N, C-alpha and C. Protein backbone atom coordinates (compact mmCIF):
# COMPACT_ATOMS: atom_id res chain seq x y z
N MET A 1 -39.19 -41.17 -23.48
CA MET A 1 -38.52 -40.09 -24.21
C MET A 1 -39.54 -39.25 -24.94
N GLN A 2 -39.38 -37.93 -24.86
CA GLN A 2 -40.31 -37.04 -25.52
C GLN A 2 -40.07 -37.07 -27.03
N PRO A 3 -41.09 -37.12 -27.87
CA PRO A 3 -40.89 -37.09 -29.32
C PRO A 3 -40.39 -35.73 -29.75
N MET A 4 -39.50 -35.71 -30.73
CA MET A 4 -38.98 -34.45 -31.25
C MET A 4 -39.97 -33.88 -32.26
N LEU A 5 -40.16 -32.56 -32.19
CA LEU A 5 -41.11 -31.90 -33.08
C LEU A 5 -40.35 -31.13 -34.14
N ASP A 6 -40.81 -31.24 -35.36
CA ASP A 6 -40.22 -30.52 -36.48
C ASP A 6 -41.01 -29.24 -36.69
N HIS A 7 -40.39 -28.10 -36.36
CA HIS A 7 -41.09 -26.82 -36.50
C HIS A 7 -40.91 -26.20 -37.87
N SER A 8 -40.12 -26.83 -38.71
CA SER A 8 -39.81 -26.22 -40.00
C SER A 8 -41.02 -26.15 -40.90
N SER A 9 -41.98 -27.06 -40.72
CA SER A 9 -43.15 -27.09 -41.60
C SER A 9 -44.42 -26.82 -40.82
N SER A 10 -44.32 -26.04 -39.73
CA SER A 10 -45.51 -25.75 -38.92
C SER A 10 -46.49 -24.92 -39.72
N PRO A 11 -47.81 -25.20 -39.60
CA PRO A 11 -48.82 -24.45 -40.34
C PRO A 11 -48.96 -23.06 -39.77
N PRO A 12 -49.59 -22.14 -40.50
CA PRO A 12 -49.85 -20.80 -39.98
C PRO A 12 -50.57 -20.87 -38.64
N ARG A 13 -50.39 -19.83 -37.81
CA ARG A 13 -50.95 -19.82 -36.46
C ARG A 13 -52.45 -20.01 -36.47
N ARG A 14 -53.18 -19.41 -37.44
CA ARG A 14 -54.64 -19.53 -37.48
C ARG A 14 -55.07 -20.99 -37.66
N LEU A 15 -54.32 -21.74 -38.51
CA LEU A 15 -54.67 -23.13 -38.74
C LEU A 15 -54.32 -23.99 -37.54
N ARG A 16 -53.26 -23.61 -36.82
CA ARG A 16 -52.87 -24.39 -35.66
C ARG A 16 -53.90 -24.31 -34.54
N ARG A 17 -54.76 -23.31 -34.55
CA ARG A 17 -55.79 -23.17 -33.53
C ARG A 17 -56.93 -24.17 -33.71
N ILE A 18 -57.16 -24.61 -34.94
CA ILE A 18 -58.31 -25.45 -35.24
C ILE A 18 -58.34 -26.74 -34.43
N PRO A 19 -57.24 -27.53 -34.36
CA PRO A 19 -57.30 -28.76 -33.54
C PRO A 19 -57.64 -28.47 -32.10
N TRP A 20 -57.17 -27.34 -31.57
CA TRP A 20 -57.49 -27.01 -30.18
C TRP A 20 -58.97 -26.74 -30.00
N LEU A 21 -59.59 -26.09 -31.00
CA LEU A 21 -61.02 -25.82 -30.92
C LEU A 21 -61.82 -27.12 -30.98
N VAL A 22 -61.37 -28.05 -31.83
CA VAL A 22 -62.04 -29.35 -31.92
C VAL A 22 -61.93 -30.10 -30.60
N ALA A 23 -60.72 -30.08 -30.01
CA ALA A 23 -60.51 -30.77 -28.73
C ALA A 23 -61.38 -30.18 -27.64
N LEU A 24 -61.50 -28.83 -27.65
CA LEU A 24 -62.33 -28.17 -26.65
C LEU A 24 -63.79 -28.57 -26.80
N ALA A 25 -64.28 -28.63 -28.05
CA ALA A 25 -65.67 -29.02 -28.28
C ALA A 25 -65.92 -30.45 -27.82
N LEU A 26 -64.98 -31.35 -28.10
CA LEU A 26 -65.13 -32.74 -27.66
C LEU A 26 -65.12 -32.84 -26.15
N ALA A 27 -64.29 -32.02 -25.51
CA ALA A 27 -64.22 -32.04 -24.05
C ALA A 27 -65.52 -31.57 -23.44
N LEU A 28 -66.12 -30.54 -24.02
CA LEU A 28 -67.39 -30.03 -23.51
C LEU A 28 -68.49 -31.07 -23.63
N ILE A 29 -68.50 -31.81 -24.73
CA ILE A 29 -69.50 -32.88 -24.90
C ILE A 29 -69.29 -33.97 -23.87
N ALA A 30 -68.01 -34.30 -23.62
CA ALA A 30 -67.71 -35.38 -22.68
C ALA A 30 -68.14 -35.05 -21.26
N VAL A 31 -67.99 -33.78 -20.86
CA VAL A 31 -68.33 -33.43 -19.47
C VAL A 31 -69.78 -33.02 -19.32
N ALA A 32 -70.50 -32.92 -20.43
CA ALA A 32 -71.91 -32.55 -20.34
C ALA A 32 -72.77 -33.54 -21.08
N PRO A 33 -72.86 -34.80 -20.58
CA PRO A 33 -73.64 -35.83 -21.27
C PRO A 33 -75.10 -35.49 -21.39
N GLY A 34 -75.62 -34.66 -20.49
CA GLY A 34 -77.03 -34.29 -20.54
C GLY A 34 -77.39 -33.59 -21.83
N ALA A 35 -76.40 -32.89 -22.41
CA ALA A 35 -76.67 -32.16 -23.64
C ALA A 35 -77.03 -33.10 -24.77
N ALA A 36 -76.38 -34.28 -24.78
CA ALA A 36 -76.66 -35.26 -25.83
C ALA A 36 -78.03 -35.88 -25.66
N LEU A 37 -78.62 -35.75 -24.46
CA LEU A 37 -79.91 -36.34 -24.19
C LEU A 37 -81.04 -35.31 -24.24
N ALA A 38 -80.69 -34.09 -24.69
CA ALA A 38 -81.67 -33.01 -24.64
C ALA A 38 -82.94 -33.33 -25.41
N GLY A 39 -82.82 -34.08 -26.50
CA GLY A 39 -84.00 -34.38 -27.31
C GLY A 39 -84.64 -35.72 -26.99
N THR A 40 -84.13 -36.41 -25.99
CA THR A 40 -84.64 -37.73 -25.66
C THR A 40 -85.95 -37.64 -24.90
N LYS A 41 -86.92 -38.44 -25.29
CA LYS A 41 -88.20 -38.43 -24.60
C LYS A 41 -88.11 -39.11 -23.25
N LYS A 42 -88.96 -38.67 -22.33
CA LYS A 42 -88.93 -39.16 -20.96
C LYS A 42 -90.15 -40.03 -20.66
N PHE A 43 -89.97 -40.95 -19.70
CA PHE A 43 -91.04 -41.83 -19.26
C PHE A 43 -91.09 -41.85 -17.74
N TYR A 44 -92.26 -42.12 -17.21
CA TYR A 44 -92.44 -42.23 -15.77
C TYR A 44 -92.76 -43.67 -15.43
N PHE A 45 -91.95 -44.27 -14.57
CA PHE A 45 -92.17 -45.64 -14.10
C PHE A 45 -92.54 -45.59 -12.63
N GLU A 46 -93.65 -46.21 -12.28
CA GLU A 46 -94.04 -46.36 -10.87
C GLU A 46 -93.98 -47.84 -10.53
N LEU A 47 -93.14 -48.19 -9.55
CA LEU A 47 -92.98 -49.59 -9.19
C LEU A 47 -94.17 -50.06 -8.37
N ALA A 48 -94.89 -51.06 -8.90
CA ALA A 48 -96.06 -51.59 -8.21
C ALA A 48 -95.68 -52.70 -7.26
N ALA A 49 -94.83 -53.64 -7.71
CA ALA A 49 -94.46 -54.78 -6.86
C ALA A 49 -93.28 -55.53 -7.44
N VAL A 50 -92.54 -56.17 -6.55
CA VAL A 50 -91.52 -57.14 -6.93
C VAL A 50 -91.85 -58.41 -6.16
N LYS A 51 -92.11 -59.48 -6.87
CA LYS A 51 -92.60 -60.69 -6.21
C LYS A 51 -91.99 -61.93 -6.84
N PRO A 52 -91.86 -63.02 -6.06
CA PRO A 52 -91.34 -64.26 -6.61
C PRO A 52 -92.45 -65.09 -7.25
N LYS A 53 -92.12 -65.85 -8.26
CA LYS A 53 -93.05 -66.80 -8.84
C LYS A 53 -93.33 -67.89 -7.81
N SER A 54 -94.48 -68.50 -7.90
CA SER A 54 -94.91 -69.45 -6.87
C SER A 54 -93.96 -70.63 -6.68
N ASP A 55 -93.26 -71.05 -7.74
CA ASP A 55 -92.39 -72.22 -7.61
C ASP A 55 -90.95 -71.89 -7.21
N VAL A 56 -90.69 -70.61 -6.93
CA VAL A 56 -89.36 -70.22 -6.45
C VAL A 56 -89.27 -70.52 -4.96
N LYS A 57 -88.20 -71.17 -4.53
CA LYS A 57 -88.05 -71.54 -3.12
C LYS A 57 -88.01 -70.30 -2.24
N ALA A 58 -88.63 -70.41 -1.08
CA ALA A 58 -88.82 -69.25 -0.21
C ALA A 58 -87.50 -68.61 0.23
N ASP A 59 -86.50 -69.42 0.61
CA ASP A 59 -85.26 -68.85 1.14
C ASP A 59 -84.50 -68.05 0.10
N VAL A 60 -84.29 -68.63 -1.09
CA VAL A 60 -83.58 -67.89 -2.14
C VAL A 60 -84.47 -66.82 -2.75
N GLY A 61 -85.77 -67.07 -2.76
CA GLY A 61 -86.71 -66.07 -3.29
C GLY A 61 -86.64 -64.78 -2.51
N LYS A 62 -86.50 -64.89 -1.19
CA LYS A 62 -86.41 -63.71 -0.34
C LYS A 62 -85.16 -62.90 -0.65
N ALA A 63 -84.04 -63.59 -0.81
CA ALA A 63 -82.79 -62.91 -1.14
C ALA A 63 -82.87 -62.27 -2.52
N ALA A 64 -83.47 -62.99 -3.46
CA ALA A 64 -83.57 -62.47 -4.82
C ALA A 64 -84.47 -61.25 -4.90
N VAL A 65 -85.63 -61.31 -4.27
CA VAL A 65 -86.58 -60.19 -4.34
C VAL A 65 -85.97 -58.92 -3.76
N ALA A 66 -85.27 -59.04 -2.65
CA ALA A 66 -84.66 -57.85 -2.03
C ALA A 66 -83.66 -57.19 -2.96
N ARG A 67 -82.82 -57.99 -3.61
CA ARG A 67 -81.80 -57.43 -4.50
C ARG A 67 -82.41 -56.90 -5.80
N VAL A 68 -83.38 -57.62 -6.32
CA VAL A 68 -84.04 -57.18 -7.56
C VAL A 68 -84.78 -55.86 -7.33
N GLU A 69 -85.45 -55.75 -6.20
CA GLU A 69 -86.17 -54.50 -5.91
C GLU A 69 -85.20 -53.33 -5.78
N ALA A 70 -84.09 -53.55 -5.11
CA ALA A 70 -83.09 -52.48 -4.97
C ALA A 70 -82.56 -52.06 -6.34
N GLN A 71 -82.36 -53.03 -7.23
CA GLN A 71 -81.80 -52.72 -8.54
C GLN A 71 -82.80 -52.01 -9.44
N ILE A 72 -84.07 -52.44 -9.44
CA ILE A 72 -85.06 -51.78 -10.30
C ILE A 72 -85.32 -50.36 -9.81
N ARG A 73 -85.29 -50.16 -8.50
CA ARG A 73 -85.46 -48.80 -7.96
C ARG A 73 -84.28 -47.91 -8.36
N LYS A 74 -83.10 -48.49 -8.37
CA LYS A 74 -81.92 -47.73 -8.79
C LYS A 74 -82.04 -47.30 -10.24
N VAL A 75 -82.52 -48.21 -11.09
CA VAL A 75 -82.71 -47.87 -12.51
C VAL A 75 -83.73 -46.75 -12.66
N ILE A 76 -84.85 -46.86 -11.95
CA ILE A 76 -85.90 -45.84 -12.04
C ILE A 76 -85.40 -44.48 -11.60
N GLU A 77 -84.54 -44.46 -10.59
CA GLU A 77 -84.06 -43.19 -10.04
C GLU A 77 -82.91 -42.57 -10.83
N THR A 78 -82.17 -43.39 -11.59
CA THR A 78 -80.95 -42.88 -12.23
C THR A 78 -80.95 -42.90 -13.75
N HIS A 79 -81.84 -43.66 -14.38
CA HIS A 79 -81.80 -43.75 -15.85
C HIS A 79 -82.17 -42.40 -16.46
N PRO A 80 -81.38 -41.92 -17.44
CA PRO A 80 -81.61 -40.58 -18.01
C PRO A 80 -82.95 -40.42 -18.74
N GLN A 81 -83.59 -41.52 -19.12
CA GLN A 81 -84.88 -41.41 -19.80
C GLN A 81 -86.07 -41.55 -18.86
N LEU A 82 -85.80 -41.75 -17.58
CA LEU A 82 -86.89 -41.96 -16.63
C LEU A 82 -87.03 -40.79 -15.67
N VAL A 83 -88.28 -40.43 -15.40
CA VAL A 83 -88.60 -39.40 -14.42
C VAL A 83 -88.94 -40.13 -13.12
N ALA A 84 -88.15 -39.87 -12.07
CA ALA A 84 -88.33 -40.61 -10.82
C ALA A 84 -89.60 -40.20 -10.08
N LYS A 85 -89.98 -38.92 -10.19
CA LYS A 85 -91.18 -38.43 -9.49
C LYS A 85 -92.05 -37.62 -10.44
N LEU A 86 -93.35 -37.75 -10.29
CA LEU A 86 -94.30 -37.01 -11.11
C LEU A 86 -95.10 -36.11 -10.18
N GLU A 87 -94.57 -34.93 -9.93
CA GLU A 87 -95.17 -34.03 -8.95
C GLU A 87 -96.51 -33.48 -9.43
N GLY A 88 -97.47 -33.42 -8.49
CA GLY A 88 -98.75 -32.78 -8.77
C GLY A 88 -99.66 -33.52 -9.72
N ALA A 89 -99.43 -34.80 -9.94
CA ALA A 89 -100.26 -35.55 -10.89
C ALA A 89 -101.66 -35.79 -10.32
N PRO A 90 -102.69 -35.64 -11.14
CA PRO A 90 -104.05 -35.94 -10.67
C PRO A 90 -104.24 -37.44 -10.48
N ASP A 91 -105.34 -37.84 -9.91
CA ASP A 91 -105.64 -39.25 -9.72
C ASP A 91 -105.68 -39.96 -11.07
N LYS A 92 -105.16 -41.21 -11.09
CA LYS A 92 -105.11 -41.96 -12.35
C LYS A 92 -106.51 -42.19 -12.94
N ALA A 93 -107.54 -42.16 -12.11
CA ALA A 93 -108.91 -42.36 -12.60
C ALA A 93 -109.35 -41.20 -13.49
N GLN A 94 -108.74 -40.05 -13.32
CA GLN A 94 -109.05 -38.89 -14.16
C GLN A 94 -108.15 -38.95 -15.39
N ALA A 95 -108.50 -39.82 -16.31
CA ALA A 95 -107.64 -40.16 -17.43
C ALA A 95 -107.20 -38.95 -18.26
N GLU A 96 -108.14 -38.14 -18.66
CA GLU A 96 -107.81 -37.01 -19.52
C GLU A 96 -106.92 -36.01 -18.81
N ALA A 97 -107.25 -35.73 -17.56
CA ALA A 97 -106.44 -34.79 -16.77
C ALA A 97 -105.02 -35.36 -16.56
N TYR A 98 -104.94 -36.66 -16.36
CA TYR A 98 -103.64 -37.29 -16.15
C TYR A 98 -102.78 -37.18 -17.41
N ARG A 99 -103.40 -37.42 -18.57
CA ARG A 99 -102.65 -37.32 -19.83
C ARG A 99 -102.16 -35.89 -20.06
N LYS A 100 -103.01 -34.93 -19.76
CA LYS A 100 -102.62 -33.52 -19.93
C LYS A 100 -101.46 -33.17 -19.01
N HIS A 101 -101.48 -33.75 -17.81
CA HIS A 101 -100.40 -33.48 -16.85
C HIS A 101 -99.09 -34.06 -17.37
N LEU A 102 -99.13 -35.27 -17.93
CA LEU A 102 -97.94 -35.87 -18.51
C LEU A 102 -97.37 -34.98 -19.62
N ALA A 103 -98.25 -34.50 -20.49
CA ALA A 103 -97.81 -33.65 -21.59
C ALA A 103 -97.19 -32.36 -21.07
N ALA A 104 -97.80 -31.79 -20.03
CA ALA A 104 -97.29 -30.54 -19.46
C ALA A 104 -95.91 -30.74 -18.84
N LYS A 105 -95.66 -31.92 -18.32
CA LYS A 105 -94.37 -32.22 -17.70
C LYS A 105 -93.34 -32.73 -18.70
N GLY A 106 -93.75 -32.85 -19.97
CA GLY A 106 -92.83 -33.35 -20.99
C GLY A 106 -92.56 -34.84 -20.88
N VAL A 107 -93.53 -35.59 -20.36
CA VAL A 107 -93.39 -37.03 -20.19
C VAL A 107 -94.18 -37.75 -21.28
N THR A 108 -93.53 -38.61 -22.04
CA THR A 108 -94.17 -39.30 -23.15
C THR A 108 -95.20 -40.31 -22.69
N GLY A 109 -94.90 -41.04 -21.62
CA GLY A 109 -95.84 -42.06 -21.14
C GLY A 109 -95.54 -42.46 -19.71
N ALA A 110 -96.56 -42.94 -19.03
CA ALA A 110 -96.42 -43.41 -17.65
C ALA A 110 -96.76 -44.89 -17.58
N TYR A 111 -96.05 -45.63 -16.73
CA TYR A 111 -96.24 -47.08 -16.66
C TYR A 111 -96.17 -47.55 -15.21
N LEU A 112 -97.08 -48.47 -14.88
CA LEU A 112 -97.06 -49.14 -13.59
C LEU A 112 -96.28 -50.44 -13.78
N VAL A 113 -95.17 -50.58 -13.07
CA VAL A 113 -94.22 -51.65 -13.34
C VAL A 113 -94.28 -52.73 -12.26
N THR A 114 -94.39 -53.98 -12.72
CA THR A 114 -94.33 -55.14 -11.84
C THR A 114 -93.18 -56.03 -12.28
N VAL A 115 -92.39 -56.47 -11.31
CA VAL A 115 -91.27 -57.37 -11.61
C VAL A 115 -91.52 -58.70 -10.92
N GLU A 116 -91.43 -59.78 -11.68
CA GLU A 116 -91.58 -61.11 -11.13
C GLU A 116 -90.26 -61.86 -11.21
N VAL A 117 -89.82 -62.42 -10.09
CA VAL A 117 -88.64 -63.28 -10.08
C VAL A 117 -89.09 -64.67 -10.51
N THR A 118 -88.76 -65.05 -11.73
CA THR A 118 -89.25 -66.31 -12.29
C THR A 118 -88.32 -67.49 -12.00
N GLU A 119 -87.07 -67.19 -11.68
CA GLU A 119 -86.12 -68.25 -11.34
C GLU A 119 -85.09 -67.70 -10.37
N ALA A 120 -84.80 -68.45 -9.33
CA ALA A 120 -83.78 -68.05 -8.37
C ALA A 120 -83.21 -69.30 -7.71
N SER A 121 -81.91 -69.46 -7.78
CA SER A 121 -81.29 -70.63 -7.16
C SER A 121 -79.84 -70.32 -6.86
N GLU A 122 -79.30 -71.04 -5.88
CA GLU A 122 -77.87 -70.94 -5.60
C GLU A 122 -77.31 -72.33 -5.32
N GLU A 123 -76.05 -72.53 -5.68
CA GLU A 123 -75.43 -73.84 -5.56
C GLU A 123 -74.00 -73.69 -5.08
N LEU A 124 -73.59 -74.54 -4.16
CA LEU A 124 -72.22 -74.58 -3.67
C LEU A 124 -71.57 -75.87 -4.15
N GLU A 125 -70.35 -75.78 -4.68
CA GLU A 125 -69.64 -76.97 -5.12
C GLU A 125 -68.15 -76.82 -4.80
N PRO A 126 -67.50 -77.91 -4.41
CA PRO A 126 -66.06 -77.85 -4.09
C PRO A 126 -65.23 -77.59 -5.34
N MET A 127 -64.04 -77.02 -5.11
CA MET A 127 -63.11 -76.77 -6.21
C MET A 127 -61.80 -77.53 -5.94
N ASP A 128 -60.93 -77.56 -6.94
CA ASP A 128 -59.65 -78.26 -6.80
C ASP A 128 -58.73 -77.57 -5.78
N LYS A 129 -58.91 -76.26 -5.63
CA LYS A 129 -58.08 -75.53 -4.67
C LYS A 129 -58.47 -75.92 -3.24
N PRO A 130 -57.52 -75.99 -2.34
CA PRO A 130 -57.87 -76.32 -0.94
C PRO A 130 -58.68 -75.21 -0.29
N ASN A 131 -59.65 -75.61 0.54
CA ASN A 131 -60.48 -74.66 1.29
C ASN A 131 -61.18 -73.64 0.40
N THR A 132 -61.54 -74.06 -0.79
CA THR A 132 -62.19 -73.16 -1.75
C THR A 132 -63.44 -73.82 -2.32
N GLN A 133 -64.50 -73.03 -2.42
CA GLN A 133 -65.75 -73.49 -3.03
C GLN A 133 -66.17 -72.51 -4.11
N ARG A 134 -67.10 -72.95 -4.95
CA ARG A 134 -67.69 -72.05 -5.95
C ARG A 134 -69.17 -71.88 -5.63
N LEU A 135 -69.56 -70.61 -5.50
CA LEU A 135 -70.97 -70.27 -5.30
C LEU A 135 -71.54 -69.84 -6.65
N THR A 136 -72.59 -70.51 -7.08
CA THR A 136 -73.25 -70.15 -8.34
C THR A 136 -74.67 -69.68 -8.06
N VAL A 137 -74.97 -68.48 -8.49
CA VAL A 137 -76.30 -67.90 -8.31
C VAL A 137 -76.95 -67.71 -9.68
N SER A 138 -78.15 -68.25 -9.85
CA SER A 138 -78.90 -68.10 -11.11
C SER A 138 -80.17 -67.31 -10.83
N LEU A 139 -80.46 -66.38 -11.73
CA LEU A 139 -81.61 -65.49 -11.53
C LEU A 139 -82.26 -65.15 -12.86
N ALA A 140 -83.58 -65.14 -12.88
CA ALA A 140 -84.34 -64.71 -14.06
C ALA A 140 -85.50 -63.85 -13.61
N VAL A 141 -85.78 -62.80 -14.38
CA VAL A 141 -86.86 -61.87 -14.02
C VAL A 141 -87.74 -61.59 -15.23
N HIS A 142 -88.98 -61.23 -14.94
CA HIS A 142 -89.93 -60.81 -15.98
C HIS A 142 -90.49 -59.45 -15.56
N VAL A 143 -90.32 -58.45 -16.41
CA VAL A 143 -90.77 -57.09 -16.13
C VAL A 143 -91.99 -56.79 -16.98
N LEU A 144 -93.05 -56.28 -16.34
CA LEU A 144 -94.29 -55.95 -17.03
C LEU A 144 -94.64 -54.48 -16.76
N GLY A 145 -94.91 -53.74 -17.82
CA GLY A 145 -95.30 -52.34 -17.68
C GLY A 145 -96.72 -52.12 -18.17
N GLU A 146 -97.57 -51.62 -17.28
CA GLU A 146 -98.97 -51.34 -17.61
C GLU A 146 -99.13 -49.85 -17.86
N ILE A 147 -99.69 -49.50 -19.00
CA ILE A 147 -99.86 -48.10 -19.36
C ILE A 147 -100.83 -47.41 -18.40
N VAL A 148 -100.42 -46.25 -17.91
CA VAL A 148 -101.27 -45.43 -17.06
C VAL A 148 -101.70 -44.20 -17.86
N PRO A 149 -102.99 -43.88 -17.93
CA PRO A 149 -104.10 -44.48 -17.18
C PRO A 149 -104.91 -45.51 -17.98
N ASP A 150 -104.40 -45.99 -19.10
CA ASP A 150 -105.19 -46.82 -20.01
C ASP A 150 -105.38 -48.26 -19.54
N ARG A 151 -104.57 -48.72 -18.57
CA ARG A 151 -104.66 -50.08 -18.04
C ARG A 151 -104.44 -51.14 -19.13
N ALA A 152 -103.57 -50.83 -20.08
CA ALA A 152 -103.22 -51.79 -21.12
C ALA A 152 -101.74 -52.14 -20.97
N ILE A 153 -101.34 -53.30 -21.49
CA ILE A 153 -99.94 -53.70 -21.41
C ILE A 153 -99.10 -52.82 -22.33
N GLY A 154 -98.10 -52.19 -21.75
CA GLY A 154 -97.24 -51.30 -22.54
C GLY A 154 -95.94 -51.95 -22.97
N PHE A 155 -95.39 -52.82 -22.14
CA PHE A 155 -94.15 -53.50 -22.49
C PHE A 155 -93.93 -54.69 -21.56
N THR A 156 -93.07 -55.58 -22.01
CA THR A 156 -92.58 -56.69 -21.17
C THR A 156 -91.09 -56.83 -21.43
N GLY A 157 -90.39 -57.39 -20.48
CA GLY A 157 -88.96 -57.60 -20.65
C GLY A 157 -88.50 -58.76 -19.79
N ASP A 158 -87.64 -59.60 -20.34
CA ASP A 158 -87.11 -60.74 -19.59
C ASP A 158 -85.59 -60.63 -19.50
N GLY A 159 -85.08 -60.96 -18.32
CA GLY A 159 -83.64 -60.91 -18.12
C GLY A 159 -83.14 -62.10 -17.33
N LYS A 160 -81.90 -62.52 -17.63
CA LYS A 160 -81.31 -63.66 -16.92
C LYS A 160 -79.88 -63.34 -16.52
N ALA A 161 -79.43 -64.03 -15.48
CA ALA A 161 -78.05 -63.88 -15.04
C ALA A 161 -77.59 -65.14 -14.33
N LYS A 162 -76.30 -65.43 -14.48
CA LYS A 162 -75.68 -66.52 -13.72
C LYS A 162 -74.32 -66.01 -13.25
N VAL A 163 -74.16 -65.96 -11.94
CA VAL A 163 -72.92 -65.44 -11.34
C VAL A 163 -72.19 -66.56 -10.64
N LYS A 164 -70.91 -66.72 -10.96
CA LYS A 164 -70.07 -67.72 -10.31
C LYS A 164 -68.98 -67.01 -9.52
N GLN A 165 -68.86 -67.39 -8.26
CA GLN A 165 -67.95 -66.68 -7.37
C GLN A 165 -67.16 -67.67 -6.51
N GLU A 166 -65.86 -67.50 -6.49
CA GLU A 166 -65.02 -68.33 -5.63
C GLU A 166 -65.08 -67.80 -4.20
N ILE A 167 -65.29 -68.69 -3.26
CA ILE A 167 -65.35 -68.30 -1.85
C ILE A 167 -64.48 -69.25 -1.04
N GLY A 168 -64.39 -68.98 0.25
CA GLY A 168 -63.56 -69.81 1.13
C GLY A 168 -64.27 -71.07 1.58
N LYS A 169 -63.77 -71.62 2.68
CA LYS A 169 -64.30 -72.87 3.19
C LYS A 169 -65.74 -72.73 3.66
N LYS A 170 -66.09 -71.53 4.16
CA LYS A 170 -67.44 -71.27 4.64
C LYS A 170 -68.12 -70.21 3.79
N LEU A 171 -69.42 -70.36 3.64
CA LEU A 171 -70.21 -69.38 2.91
C LEU A 171 -70.61 -68.26 3.88
N ARG A 172 -70.05 -67.09 3.68
CA ARG A 172 -70.35 -65.96 4.55
C ARG A 172 -71.56 -65.19 4.02
N PRO A 173 -72.28 -64.49 4.88
CA PRO A 173 -73.42 -63.67 4.42
C PRO A 173 -73.02 -62.67 3.34
N ARG A 174 -71.81 -62.11 3.48
CA ARG A 174 -71.36 -61.13 2.49
C ARG A 174 -71.15 -61.77 1.13
N ASP A 175 -70.70 -63.03 1.10
CA ASP A 175 -70.52 -63.73 -0.18
C ASP A 175 -71.85 -63.83 -0.93
N ARG A 176 -72.89 -64.23 -0.20
CA ARG A 176 -74.21 -64.37 -0.81
C ARG A 176 -74.73 -63.01 -1.28
N GLU A 177 -74.52 -62.02 -0.44
CA GLU A 177 -75.01 -60.68 -0.76
C GLU A 177 -74.41 -60.15 -2.05
N VAL A 178 -73.09 -60.29 -2.18
CA VAL A 178 -72.41 -59.81 -3.39
C VAL A 178 -72.89 -60.56 -4.62
N ALA A 179 -73.03 -61.87 -4.51
CA ALA A 179 -73.46 -62.68 -5.66
C ALA A 179 -74.87 -62.31 -6.11
N TRP A 180 -75.78 -62.15 -5.16
CA TRP A 180 -77.15 -61.78 -5.52
C TRP A 180 -77.23 -60.37 -6.08
N GLU A 181 -76.42 -59.46 -5.55
CA GLU A 181 -76.41 -58.09 -6.08
C GLU A 181 -75.95 -58.08 -7.53
N GLN A 182 -74.89 -58.83 -7.82
CA GLN A 182 -74.39 -58.88 -9.19
C GLN A 182 -75.41 -59.52 -10.13
N ALA A 183 -76.04 -60.60 -9.67
CA ALA A 183 -77.04 -61.27 -10.50
C ALA A 183 -78.23 -60.36 -10.78
N ALA A 184 -78.68 -59.63 -9.76
CA ALA A 184 -79.81 -58.70 -9.94
C ALA A 184 -79.47 -57.59 -10.93
N GLU A 185 -78.26 -57.07 -10.82
CA GLU A 185 -77.84 -56.00 -11.73
C GLU A 185 -77.84 -56.47 -13.18
N VAL A 186 -77.30 -57.67 -13.42
CA VAL A 186 -77.24 -58.19 -14.78
C VAL A 186 -78.63 -58.53 -15.31
N ALA A 187 -79.44 -59.20 -14.49
CA ALA A 187 -80.78 -59.63 -14.94
C ALA A 187 -81.68 -58.43 -15.23
N ILE A 188 -81.68 -57.44 -14.34
CA ILE A 188 -82.50 -56.25 -14.57
C ILE A 188 -81.98 -55.46 -15.76
N GLY A 189 -80.67 -55.37 -15.90
CA GLY A 189 -80.10 -54.68 -17.06
C GLY A 189 -80.50 -55.34 -18.36
N ASP A 190 -80.51 -56.66 -18.38
CA ASP A 190 -80.91 -57.43 -19.56
C ASP A 190 -82.38 -57.16 -19.90
N ALA A 191 -83.23 -57.19 -18.87
CA ALA A 191 -84.66 -56.97 -19.09
C ALA A 191 -84.94 -55.54 -19.55
N MET A 192 -84.27 -54.57 -18.94
CA MET A 192 -84.53 -53.16 -19.27
C MET A 192 -84.04 -52.80 -20.66
N GLU A 193 -83.02 -53.50 -21.13
CA GLU A 193 -82.57 -53.27 -22.51
C GLU A 193 -83.70 -53.59 -23.48
N SER A 194 -84.39 -54.69 -23.23
CA SER A 194 -85.54 -55.07 -24.06
C SER A 194 -86.67 -54.06 -23.91
N VAL A 195 -86.91 -53.61 -22.69
CA VAL A 195 -87.99 -52.65 -22.42
C VAL A 195 -87.78 -51.37 -23.21
N PHE A 196 -86.59 -50.81 -23.17
CA PHE A 196 -86.35 -49.54 -23.86
C PHE A 196 -86.35 -49.68 -25.38
N LYS A 197 -86.01 -50.85 -25.87
CA LYS A 197 -86.14 -51.08 -27.32
C LYS A 197 -87.60 -51.03 -27.72
N GLN A 198 -88.48 -51.60 -26.89
CA GLN A 198 -89.91 -51.57 -27.19
C GLN A 198 -90.45 -50.14 -27.11
N LEU A 199 -90.02 -49.39 -26.12
CA LEU A 199 -90.46 -48.00 -26.00
C LEU A 199 -89.99 -47.17 -27.19
N GLU A 200 -88.79 -47.46 -27.67
CA GLU A 200 -88.26 -46.74 -28.83
C GLU A 200 -89.10 -47.01 -30.06
N LYS A 201 -89.52 -48.27 -30.23
CA LYS A 201 -90.37 -48.60 -31.38
C LYS A 201 -91.72 -47.92 -31.27
N GLN A 202 -92.26 -47.85 -30.06
CA GLN A 202 -93.56 -47.20 -29.87
C GLN A 202 -93.49 -45.72 -30.19
N LYS A 203 -92.37 -45.09 -29.88
CA LYS A 203 -92.21 -43.67 -30.14
C LYS A 203 -92.21 -43.37 -31.62
N LYS A 204 -91.72 -44.33 -32.43
CA LYS A 204 -91.59 -44.10 -33.87
C LYS A 204 -92.89 -44.32 -34.62
N LYS A 205 -93.90 -44.92 -33.94
CA LYS A 205 -95.17 -45.22 -34.62
C LYS A 205 -95.97 -43.94 -34.80
């Protein structure tokens, strides 16, 4: 049922326009998120490698590395504070020229990023339901950022994830794929949250 409106105490027409103007301003902010980021500093991340730790089993390590690499590349390409490409940059050995290029492009800092898969495992266990199993995927990553061109450690970040998924009588390739994708997304998100907090502190110094 539509609510009944009492027009007997309606405000003057000029005052009635004000809520509409406020709503319009809020709508413009909502559809233009880039405007809120106009003053945010930018960083350039270059992915150097994604590799498993030596004690990670080869079979699960392969699955983990593939998903982690896809996720970190996605973050680099889509995060609003990251510049995916640094066009026309001089060789990193030319330190002063490289720094000037960063400044000219409005980039606060550049980092060579390495991601290590420090833990990766999966486990299948029966459930009370008939023809149903639980797939549990555990993943941990360590992210290291080396300052370019200074070759000093700029940041580190650690992330963990544990994904539990109900599956059928047989473990299908798609079941594993979905579980590892979800674990990679959570673990990288956890690590990157720490990374950006460190970058924020560095900016304030």
